[in-house]
Amino acid sequence: MQPADLLLCPEWLITMEAEVTALTGRCVVVAGGRIAAVLSVEEAIEQFEGPRLDLAQQVLMPGLVNTHT
């Protein structure tokens, strides 16, 4: 198993692809302060060891930065 800082497991994961996509059953693995992987919940638990934050009925989406202020 690989160490992870955090496994974020939301109900829905919004991606930055051209077509809006909401993935379900996924975890974002954070290691070394960076996103290390986006895997199915089962794969993340199997491959990474670290605290897991289950975000039932929550959306995880990229941060938006307004550079016009």
Protein backbone atom coordinates (compact mmCIF):
# COMPACT_ATOMS: atom_id res chain seq x y z
CA MET A 1 0.00 0.00 0.00
CA GLN A 2 1.10 3.52 -0.76
CA PRO A 3 0.76 6.33 1.79
CA ALA A 4 -1.77 9.09 1.14
CA ASP A 5 -2.47 12.36 2.93
CA LEU A 6 -6.20 12.03 2.30
CA LEU A 7 -8.76 10.11 0.28
CA LEU A 8 -11.73 12.31 -0.67
CA CYS A 9 -14.73 10.20 -1.64
CA PRO A 10 -17.64 12.42 -2.72
CA GLU A 11 -21.05 11.38 -3.99
CA TRP A 12 -20.32 13.27 -7.23
CA LEU A 13 -16.98 14.35 -8.69
CA ILE A 14 -17.08 17.12 -11.30
CA THR A 15 -14.25 17.07 -13.84
CA MET A 16 -12.69 19.80 -15.99
CA GLU A 17 -13.35 18.00 -19.27
CA ALA A 18 -14.91 19.94 -22.16
CA GLU A 19 -18.20 18.14 -21.61
CA VAL A 20 -19.49 18.52 -18.06
CA THR A 21 -19.09 15.19 -16.34
CA ALA A 22 -20.22 14.12 -12.88
CA LEU A 23 -18.55 10.88 -11.85
CA THR A 24 -19.87 8.69 -9.06
CA GLY A 25 -18.07 6.02 -7.06
CA ARG A 26 -14.70 7.75 -7.27
CA CYS A 27 -12.06 8.93 -4.79
CA VAL A 28 -9.52 11.69 -5.20
CA VAL A 29 -6.25 10.59 -3.61
CA VAL A 30 -4.07 13.38 -2.20
CA ALA A 31 -0.41 12.54 -1.51
CA GLY A 32 2.40 14.97 -0.89
CA GLY A 33 -0.05 17.86 -1.04
CA ARG A 34 -1.03 17.08 -4.64
CA ILE A 35 -3.68 15.04 -6.41
CA ALA A 36 -1.99 11.68 -6.92
CA ALA A 37 -4.87 9.74 -8.48
CA VAL A 38 -8.57 9.58 -9.20
CA LEU A 39 -9.70 6.00 -8.77
CA SER A 40 -12.79 4.00 -7.99
CA VAL A 41 -13.49 3.85 -4.26
CA GLU A 42 -12.51 0.18 -4.19
CA GLU A 43 -9.20 0.78 -6.00
CA ALA A 44 -8.31 3.76 -3.79
CA ILE A 45 -8.91 1.81 -0.58
CA GLU A 46 -6.97 -1.15 -1.97
CA GLN A 47 -3.95 0.86 -3.19
CA PHE A 48 -3.64 3.75 -0.71
CA GLU A 49 -3.46 4.02 3.06
CA GLY A 50 -4.54 7.21 4.77
CA PRO A 51 -7.51 9.01 6.29
CA ARG A 52 -10.67 8.77 4.21
CA LEU A 53 -13.29 11.48 4.09
CA ASP A 54 -16.64 10.08 2.94
CA LEU A 55 -18.62 12.95 1.45
CA ALA A 56 -22.07 11.38 1.10
CA GLN A 57 -24.48 13.62 -0.82
CA GLN A 58 -21.66 16.12 -1.46
CA VAL A 59 -20.13 17.42 -4.69
CA LEU A 60 -16.37 17.79 -5.14
CA MET A 61 -15.49 20.21 -7.91
CA PRO A 62 -12.46 22.17 -9.08
CA GLY A 63 -11.91 25.53 -7.43
CA LEU A 64 -12.76 28.56 -9.49
CA VAL A 65 -10.46 31.58 -9.38
CA ASN A 66 -11.69 34.98 -10.48
CA THR A 67 -8.64 36.75 -11.89
CA HIS A 68 -10.62 39.85 -12.85
CA THR A 69 -10.71 41.44 -9.42
